[in-house]
Amino acid sequence: MDIHQVVKILKQSVELVYIRDASLIETNAHEQAITHRIAYYFENMLMLYPWYIQEGYNIDVEYNRYYDDPKRKNDQSLCKPDIILHRREHNKLYDNLLVIEVKKNSDENWRDFDKLSEFTNQRGKYKYHLGIYINLKKDFNQVEYIYFSNGKKGWENNSSFVRLCS
């Protein structure tokens, strides 16, 4: 399994929300209701891959812990990413794989971009391998994905994190 396959599964999860839970999009339901459904489908699909269970990964929504402490940005403000793929209570190579921020019909959100940059900075505290900003639109074909790696907007596709598990 590599990060490209994980991203493909995430995109399929978003598509399932548009298919199975269209009313959440159509009625402008709260972002947390939508992120819950994305995470639900994402985890159910990942459960089909042995590495997800064997390696002890979790999908969490609004997860605000860093070991026993609350997650904080560099400015010490509390934060909780919308969706994360990680190993709880670990912070070594390949423990924090994916951090996701979701918005509905939004212009680019600099606060979320700042959070994704900080969380993917490999010299920082959390060291997520990839961050994704998902901008949901009324039409699934209009959904935008913006990637962050190594603390910057864009996807540096280097082999140090492309391969996740066998």
Protein backbone atom coordinates (compact mmCIF):
# COMPACT_ATOMS: atom_id res chain seq x y z
CA MET A 1 0.00 0.00 0.00
CA ASP A 2 1.34 3.42 -0.81
CA ILE A 3 0.14 6.94 -0.15
CA HIS A 4 -1.35 7.20 -3.65
CA GLN A 5 -3.67 4.27 -2.92
CA VAL A 6 -4.66 5.79 0.42
CA VAL A 7 -5.53 9.08 -1.32
CA LYS A 8 -7.55 7.17 -3.92
CA ILE A 9 -9.52 5.46 -1.13
CA LEU A 10 -10.11 8.83 0.55
CA LYS A 11 -11.49 10.24 -2.71
CA GLN A 12 -13.78 7.21 -3.06
CA SER A 13 -14.98 7.91 0.50
CA VAL A 14 -15.85 11.48 -0.43
CA GLU A 15 -17.69 10.22 -3.50
CA LEU A 16 -19.70 7.82 -1.32
CA VAL A 17 -20.89 10.76 0.77
CA TYR A 18 -22.22 12.37 -2.40
CA ILE A 19 -23.92 9.10 -3.39
CA ARG A 20 -25.24 7.75 -0.09
CA ASP A 21 -25.52 10.90 2.02
CA ALA A 22 -26.37 13.52 -0.61
CA SER A 23 -28.84 15.20 1.72
CA LEU A 24 -25.94 16.29 3.94
CA ILE A 25 -24.51 18.26 1.02
CA GLU A 26 -27.85 19.45 -0.37
CA THR A 27 -29.17 20.73 2.97
CA ASN A 28 -25.86 22.36 3.95
CA ALA A 29 -25.45 20.12 7.01
CA HIS A 30 -22.75 20.95 9.53
CA GLU A 31 -19.19 20.20 8.46
CA GLN A 32 -18.74 17.72 11.34
CA ALA A 33 -21.66 15.61 10.12
CA ILE A 34 -20.06 15.40 6.70
CA THR A 35 -16.53 14.70 7.97
CA HIS A 36 -17.93 11.92 10.15
CA ARG A 37 -19.41 10.22 7.08
CA ILE A 38 -16.20 10.65 5.07
CA ALA A 39 -14.23 9.11 7.95
CA TYR A 40 -16.77 6.29 8.31
CA TYR A 41 -16.45 5.25 4.66
CA PHE A 42 -12.68 5.80 4.67
CA GLU A 43 -12.15 3.54 7.67
CA ASN A 44 -14.50 0.85 6.35
CA MET A 45 -12.55 0.70 3.09
CA LEU A 46 -9.18 0.71 4.85
CA MET A 47 -10.32 -2.20 7.05
CA LEU A 48 -10.18 -4.34 3.89
CA TYR A 49 -6.37 -3.98 3.86
CA PRO A 50 -4.49 -6.16 6.36
CA TRP A 51 -1.81 -3.50 7.05
CA TYR A 52 -4.42 -1.12 8.48
CA ILE A 53 -5.34 -3.52 11.28
CA GLN A 54 -2.00 -5.31 11.68
CA GLU A 55 -0.07 -2.05 11.99
CA GLY A 56 -2.57 -0.58 14.49
CA TYR A 57 -3.77 2.42 12.49
CA ASN A 58 -6.86 4.46 13.35
CA ILE A 59 -9.09 6.99 11.63
CA ASP A 60 -10.16 9.71 14.05
CA VAL A 61 -12.41 12.74 13.66
CA GLU A 62 -11.69 15.95 15.59
CA TYR A 63 -8.89 14.16 17.48
CA ASN A 64 -7.29 16.63 19.87
CA ARG A 65 -4.65 14.59 21.72
CA TYR A 66 -0.88 14.44 21.55
CA TYR A 67 -0.13 11.66 24.02
CA ASP A 68 -1.72 12.94 27.27
CA ASP A 69 -1.70 16.59 26.20
CA PRO A 70 -4.03 18.50 23.92
CA LYS A 71 -2.84 19.09 20.35
CA ARG A 72 -1.50 22.62 19.97
CA LYS A 73 -0.19 24.66 17.10
CA ASN A 74 3.14 26.45 17.39
CA ASP A 75 1.35 29.52 18.74
CA GLN A 76 0.01 27.26 21.56
CA SER A 77 -3.59 27.54 20.38
CA LEU A 78 -5.60 24.33 20.72
CA CYS A 79 -6.41 22.51 17.50
CA LYS A 80 -8.19 19.41 16.30
CA PRO A 81 -7.82 18.28 12.70
CA ASP A 82 -11.05 17.23 10.98
CA ILE A 83 -9.84 13.70 10.08
CA ILE A 84 -6.55 11.93 10.70
CA LEU A 85 -5.05 8.56 9.79
CA HIS A 86 -2.53 7.67 12.47
CA ARG A 87 -1.45 5.38 15.27
CA ARG A 88 -2.77 6.80 18.52
CA GLU A 89 -0.18 7.74 21.15
CA HIS A 90 2.76 7.28 18.77
CA ASN A 91 4.91 9.81 16.94
CA LYS A 92 7.54 7.88 15.04
CA LEU A 93 8.14 7.42 11.32
CA TYR A 94 4.92 6.25 9.61
CA ASP A 95 2.75 6.79 12.71
CA ASN A 96 1.09 10.02 11.52
CA LEU A 97 0.18 9.35 7.91
CA LEU A 98 -2.58 11.71 6.85
CA VAL A 99 -4.18 14.89 8.23
CA ILE A 100 -7.32 16.23 6.52
CA GLU A 101 -9.19 19.53 6.75
CA VAL A 102 -12.62 19.80 5.12
CA LYS A 103 -14.60 22.90 4.21
CA LYS A 104 -17.87 23.44 2.34
CA ASN A 105 -18.00 25.82 -0.63
CA SER A 106 -15.16 27.86 0.78
CA ASP A 107 -12.54 30.12 -0.64
CA GLU A 108 -9.05 29.01 0.30
CA ASN A 109 -8.91 28.98 4.07
CA TRP A 110 -5.55 30.26 5.33
CA ARG A 111 -6.14 28.94 8.87
CA ASP A 112 -6.55 25.40 7.60
CA PHE A 113 -3.61 25.85 5.22
CA ASP A 114 -1.50 27.04 8.16
CA LYS A 115 -2.57 24.02 10.21
CA LEU A 116 -1.79 21.57 7.38
CA SER A 117 1.59 23.20 6.78
CA GLU A 118 2.45 22.94 10.46
CA PHE A 119 1.22 19.36 10.84
CA THR A 120 3.17 18.14 7.78
CA ASN A 121 6.41 19.92 8.68
CA GLN A 122 8.90 17.09 9.20
CA ARG A 123 10.90 19.26 11.61
CA GLY A 124 7.79 20.01 13.64
CA LYS A 125 6.01 18.18 16.41
CA TYR A 126 3.47 16.04 14.51
CA LYS A 127 5.24 15.04 11.27
CA TYR A 128 2.22 13.92 9.23
CA HIS A 129 3.38 12.60 5.88
CA LEU A 130 0.59 14.21 3.89
CA GLY A 131 -2.05 16.86 4.49
CA ILE A 132 -5.13 17.33 2.34
CA TYR A 133 -7.51 20.27 2.23
CA ILE A 134 -10.86 19.17 0.77
CA ASN A 135 -13.19 21.89 -0.45
CA LEU A 136 -16.63 20.32 -0.90
CA LYS A 137 -18.96 21.78 -3.52
CA LYS A 138 -22.63 21.11 -4.38
CA ASP A 139 -21.45 19.05 -7.35
CA PHE A 140 -19.05 16.16 -6.68
CA ASN A 141 -17.17 16.90 -9.91
CA GLN A 142 -16.24 20.32 -8.50
CA VAL A 143 -14.65 19.06 -5.26
CA GLU A 144 -11.13 20.48 -4.81
CA TYR A 145 -8.18 18.71 -3.21
CA ILE A 146 -5.12 20.72 -2.15
CA TYR A 147 -2.12 18.76 -0.88
CA PHE A 148 0.53 19.62 1.71
CA SER A 149 3.80 17.86 2.41
CA ASN A 150 6.98 18.82 4.22
CA GLY A 151 5.29 21.92 5.59
CA LYS A 152 4.38 23.34 2.17
CA LYS A 153 1.48 23.45 -0.23
CA GLY A 154 2.09 20.84 -2.91
CA TRP A 155 2.91 17.19 -2.90
CA GLU A 156 6.59 16.39 -2.85
CA ASN A 157 6.39 12.85 -4.04
CA ASN A 158 9.55 11.51 -2.50
CA SER A 159 10.18 7.85 -1.77
CA SER A 160 10.80 8.46 1.94
CA PHE A 161 7.05 8.35 2.58
CA VAL A 162 5.42 6.98 -0.55
CA ARG A 163 5.63 3.36 0.60
CA LEU A 164 3.57 2.76 3.74
CA CYS A 165 3.25 -0.92 4.43
CA SER A 166 3.62 -4.22 2.63
